[in-house]
Amino acid sequence: MPRYVKTFSCPTCAGAASGKGHLCHPNPDIGAFKCEFCKKTVKDARHVCAPMLDNIAYVCKKCGRLAVYDSQLCSPMLVSED
């Protein structure tokens, strides 16, 4: 599991997020990064690829977005709890 550097203040929940922000409210100023699942270089923090879909574990209780890691959402809940 990658480590997220908490360098972005999320305007939705006011919590610290990775440099990419939360998927609920991604940081618009991010540069390109390499997807850990498909290895493509992408700029969109909300990038989704087929290999990532097999690892979805969380849903945001506020906006309904899905994510692999709880740190990617403002109000995460395990999909299995839904």
N, C-alpha and C. Protein backbone atom coordinates (compact mmCIF):
# COMPACT_ATOMS: atom_id res chain seq x y z
N MET A 1 0.85 -1.18 0.00
CA MET A 1 0.00 0.00 0.00
C MET A 1 0.89 1.24 0.00
N PRO A 2 0.62 2.19 -0.90
CA PRO A 2 1.48 3.37 -0.97
C PRO A 2 1.27 4.29 0.23
N ARG A 3 2.28 5.05 0.52
CA ARG A 3 2.16 6.04 1.60
C ARG A 3 1.78 7.38 0.97
N TYR A 4 0.82 8.05 1.59
CA TYR A 4 0.36 9.32 1.08
C TYR A 4 0.96 10.44 1.90
N VAL A 5 1.58 11.38 1.22
CA VAL A 5 2.13 12.56 1.89
C VAL A 5 0.97 13.53 2.05
N LYS A 6 0.64 13.85 3.29
CA LYS A 6 -0.53 14.70 3.55
C LYS A 6 -0.15 16.17 3.41
N THR A 7 -0.28 16.65 2.18
CA THR A 7 0.15 18.01 1.89
C THR A 7 -0.96 18.90 1.33
N PHE A 8 -2.18 18.42 1.28
CA PHE A 8 -3.27 19.17 0.67
C PHE A 8 -4.42 19.25 1.65
N SER A 9 -4.91 20.45 1.90
CA SER A 9 -6.05 20.62 2.80
C SER A 9 -7.33 20.52 1.96
N CYS A 10 -8.14 19.51 2.24
CA CYS A 10 -9.36 19.28 1.46
C CYS A 10 -10.40 20.35 1.77
N PRO A 11 -10.88 21.06 0.76
CA PRO A 11 -11.90 22.10 1.01
C PRO A 11 -13.27 21.52 1.37
N THR A 12 -13.48 20.22 1.11
CA THR A 12 -14.76 19.60 1.43
C THR A 12 -14.86 19.24 2.90
N CYS A 13 -13.80 18.57 3.43
CA CYS A 13 -13.87 18.11 4.81
C CYS A 13 -12.86 18.80 5.73
N ALA A 14 -12.01 19.66 5.17
CA ALA A 14 -10.96 20.39 5.90
C ALA A 14 -9.88 19.47 6.44
N GLY A 15 -9.89 18.21 6.03
CA GLY A 15 -8.88 17.26 6.48
C GLY A 15 -7.65 17.28 5.59
N ALA A 16 -6.56 16.73 6.11
CA ALA A 16 -5.34 16.62 5.32
C ALA A 16 -5.50 15.47 4.34
N ALA A 17 -5.02 15.68 3.13
CA ALA A 17 -5.11 14.66 2.08
C ALA A 17 -3.76 14.53 1.41
N SER A 18 -3.65 13.52 0.55
CA SER A 18 -2.42 13.37 -0.21
C SER A 18 -2.26 14.57 -1.13
N GLY A 19 -1.12 14.71 -1.76
CA GLY A 19 -0.89 15.81 -2.68
C GLY A 19 -1.91 15.85 -3.80
N LYS A 20 -2.51 14.68 -4.11
CA LYS A 20 -3.55 14.62 -5.15
C LYS A 20 -4.90 15.05 -4.61
N GLY A 21 -5.01 15.19 -3.29
CA GLY A 21 -6.29 15.53 -2.69
C GLY A 21 -7.15 14.30 -2.51
N HIS A 22 -8.37 14.50 -2.06
CA HIS A 22 -9.32 13.40 -1.95
C HIS A 22 -10.05 13.28 -3.29
N LEU A 23 -10.54 12.10 -3.59
CA LEU A 23 -11.29 11.93 -4.83
C LEU A 23 -12.59 12.73 -4.80
N CYS A 24 -13.09 13.03 -3.60
CA CYS A 24 -14.29 13.87 -3.47
C CYS A 24 -14.00 15.28 -3.97
N HIS A 25 -12.77 15.73 -3.77
CA HIS A 25 -12.37 17.08 -4.17
C HIS A 25 -10.88 17.06 -4.48
N PRO A 26 -10.50 16.60 -5.69
CA PRO A 26 -9.07 16.48 -6.00
C PRO A 26 -8.38 17.82 -6.13
N ASN A 27 -7.09 17.83 -5.87
CA ASN A 27 -6.27 19.02 -6.00
C ASN A 27 -6.10 19.33 -7.48
N PRO A 28 -6.58 20.48 -7.96
CA PRO A 28 -6.49 20.79 -9.39
C PRO A 28 -5.07 21.10 -9.85
N ASP A 29 -4.15 21.30 -8.93
CA ASP A 29 -2.79 21.70 -9.29
C ASP A 29 -1.80 20.54 -9.36
N ILE A 30 -2.30 19.29 -9.33
CA ILE A 30 -1.38 18.16 -9.35
C ILE A 30 -0.71 18.02 -10.71
N GLY A 31 0.48 17.47 -10.69
CA GLY A 31 1.16 17.16 -11.93
C GLY A 31 0.82 15.72 -12.32
N ALA A 32 1.45 15.25 -13.35
CA ALA A 32 1.23 13.87 -13.78
C ALA A 32 1.83 12.91 -12.75
N PHE A 33 1.22 11.75 -12.61
CA PHE A 33 1.72 10.73 -11.70
C PHE A 33 1.49 9.37 -12.33
N LYS A 34 2.19 8.37 -11.85
CA LYS A 34 2.09 7.02 -12.39
C LYS A 34 1.06 6.23 -11.58
N CYS A 35 0.07 5.67 -12.25
CA CYS A 35 -0.95 4.85 -11.60
C CYS A 35 -0.29 3.58 -11.09
N GLU A 36 -0.50 3.26 -9.83
CA GLU A 36 0.13 2.07 -9.25
C GLU A 36 -0.48 0.77 -9.77
N PHE A 37 -1.64 0.85 -10.42
CA PHE A 37 -2.32 -0.35 -10.90
C PHE A 37 -2.05 -0.64 -12.37
N CYS A 38 -2.17 0.36 -13.25
CA CYS A 38 -1.96 0.12 -14.68
C CYS A 38 -0.61 0.65 -15.18
N LYS A 39 0.09 1.38 -14.32
CA LYS A 39 1.43 1.91 -14.62
C LYS A 39 1.44 3.01 -15.69
N LYS A 40 0.26 3.52 -16.08
CA LYS A 40 0.21 4.63 -17.04
C LYS A 40 0.45 5.94 -16.30
N THR A 41 1.02 6.90 -17.01
CA THR A 41 1.18 8.23 -16.46
C THR A 41 -0.08 9.03 -16.75
N VAL A 42 -0.73 9.53 -15.70
CA VAL A 42 -2.00 10.25 -15.83
C VAL A 42 -1.96 11.54 -15.01
N LYS A 43 -2.81 12.48 -15.34
CA LYS A 43 -2.89 13.72 -14.59
C LYS A 43 -4.17 13.79 -13.75
N ASP A 44 -5.19 13.06 -14.16
CA ASP A 44 -6.48 13.11 -13.48
C ASP A 44 -6.45 12.29 -12.19
N ALA A 45 -6.64 12.95 -11.04
CA ALA A 45 -6.63 12.25 -9.75
C ALA A 45 -7.77 11.24 -9.65
N ARG A 46 -8.81 11.42 -10.45
CA ARG A 46 -9.95 10.50 -10.45
C ARG A 46 -9.80 9.39 -11.49
N HIS A 47 -8.60 9.19 -11.99
CA HIS A 47 -8.32 8.13 -12.96
C HIS A 47 -8.78 6.79 -12.43
N VAL A 48 -9.47 6.01 -13.27
CA VAL A 48 -9.91 4.66 -12.91
C VAL A 48 -9.51 3.74 -14.06
N CYS A 49 -8.94 2.60 -13.73
CA CYS A 49 -8.55 1.63 -14.75
C CYS A 49 -9.08 0.26 -14.31
N ALA A 50 -9.11 -0.68 -15.24
CA ALA A 50 -9.64 -2.02 -14.95
C ALA A 50 -8.94 -2.70 -13.78
N PRO A 51 -7.60 -2.68 -13.70
CA PRO A 51 -6.96 -3.33 -12.55
C PRO A 51 -7.35 -2.70 -11.21
N MET A 52 -7.65 -1.42 -11.21
CA MET A 52 -8.03 -0.72 -9.99
C MET A 52 -9.40 -1.19 -9.49
N LEU A 53 -10.30 -1.49 -10.41
CA LEU A 53 -11.66 -1.87 -10.04
C LEU A 53 -11.71 -3.11 -9.15
N ASP A 54 -10.76 -4.01 -9.33
CA ASP A 54 -10.72 -5.22 -8.50
C ASP A 54 -10.33 -4.93 -7.06
N ASN A 55 -9.84 -3.72 -6.80
CA ASN A 55 -9.35 -3.36 -5.46
C ASN A 55 -10.21 -2.33 -4.75
N ILE A 56 -11.33 -1.94 -5.33
CA ILE A 56 -12.21 -0.95 -4.71
C ILE A 56 -12.71 -1.49 -3.37
N ALA A 57 -12.51 -0.72 -2.31
CA ALA A 57 -12.92 -1.18 -0.98
C ALA A 57 -13.75 -0.16 -0.21
N TYR A 58 -13.72 1.12 -0.64
CA TYR A 58 -14.39 2.18 0.13
C TYR A 58 -15.34 2.99 -0.73
N VAL A 59 -16.36 3.52 -0.07
CA VAL A 59 -17.29 4.44 -0.68
C VAL A 59 -17.40 5.66 0.23
N CYS A 60 -17.51 6.85 -0.35
CA CYS A 60 -17.66 8.07 0.45
C CYS A 60 -19.12 8.21 0.88
N LYS A 61 -19.34 8.38 2.18
CA LYS A 61 -20.70 8.54 2.69
C LYS A 61 -21.32 9.86 2.25
N LYS A 62 -20.49 10.84 1.84
CA LYS A 62 -21.01 12.15 1.44
C LYS A 62 -21.35 12.22 -0.04
N CYS A 63 -20.43 11.74 -0.91
CA CYS A 63 -20.64 11.94 -2.35
C CYS A 63 -20.81 10.64 -3.13
N GLY A 64 -20.56 9.48 -2.52
CA GLY A 64 -20.75 8.21 -3.20
C GLY A 64 -19.59 7.75 -4.08
N ARG A 65 -18.50 8.50 -4.11
CA ARG A 65 -17.34 8.08 -4.92
C ARG A 65 -16.72 6.83 -4.33
N LEU A 66 -16.17 6.00 -5.20
CA LEU A 66 -15.52 4.76 -4.79
C LEU A 66 -14.01 4.95 -4.78
N ALA A 67 -13.32 4.22 -3.90
CA ALA A 67 -11.87 4.35 -3.80
C ALA A 67 -11.24 3.06 -3.30
N VAL A 68 -9.96 2.94 -3.56
CA VAL A 68 -9.19 1.79 -3.10
C VAL A 68 -8.78 1.97 -1.64
N TYR A 69 -8.39 3.19 -1.26
CA TYR A 69 -7.90 3.47 0.09
C TYR A 69 -8.82 4.46 0.80
N ASP A 70 -8.99 4.30 2.10
CA ASP A 70 -9.84 5.22 2.85
C ASP A 70 -9.32 6.65 2.83
N SER A 71 -8.00 6.81 2.73
CA SER A 71 -7.41 8.15 2.72
C SER A 71 -7.75 8.94 1.47
N GLN A 72 -8.38 8.30 0.49
CA GLN A 72 -8.73 8.98 -0.76
C GLN A 72 -10.10 9.64 -0.69
N LEU A 73 -10.82 9.45 0.39
CA LEU A 73 -12.19 9.97 0.51
C LEU A 73 -12.34 10.83 1.76
N CYS A 74 -13.30 11.75 1.70
CA CYS A 74 -13.57 12.64 2.83
C CYS A 74 -14.28 11.91 3.98
N SER A 75 -15.21 11.05 3.63
CA SER A 75 -16.00 10.35 4.64
C SER A 75 -16.11 8.86 4.24
N PRO A 76 -14.99 8.12 4.38
CA PRO A 76 -14.97 6.74 3.87
C PRO A 76 -15.76 5.75 4.71
N MET A 77 -16.30 4.76 4.01
CA MET A 77 -16.99 3.65 4.63
C MET A 77 -16.66 2.41 3.78
N LEU A 78 -16.41 1.28 4.40
CA LEU A 78 -16.16 0.07 3.64
C LEU A 78 -17.37 -0.26 2.78
N VAL A 79 -17.13 -0.66 1.53
CA VAL A 79 -18.22 -1.02 0.62
C VAL A 79 -19.05 -2.15 1.24
N SER A 80 -18.42 -3.06 1.94
CA SER A 80 -19.11 -4.19 2.56
C SER A 80 -20.07 -3.75 3.68
N GLU A 81 -19.92 -2.53 4.19
CA GLU A 81 -20.81 -2.02 5.25
C GLU A 81 -22.06 -1.37 4.67
N ASP A 82 -22.06 -1.11 3.36
CA ASP A 82 -23.16 -0.40 2.73
C ASP A 82 -24.41 -1.24 2.68
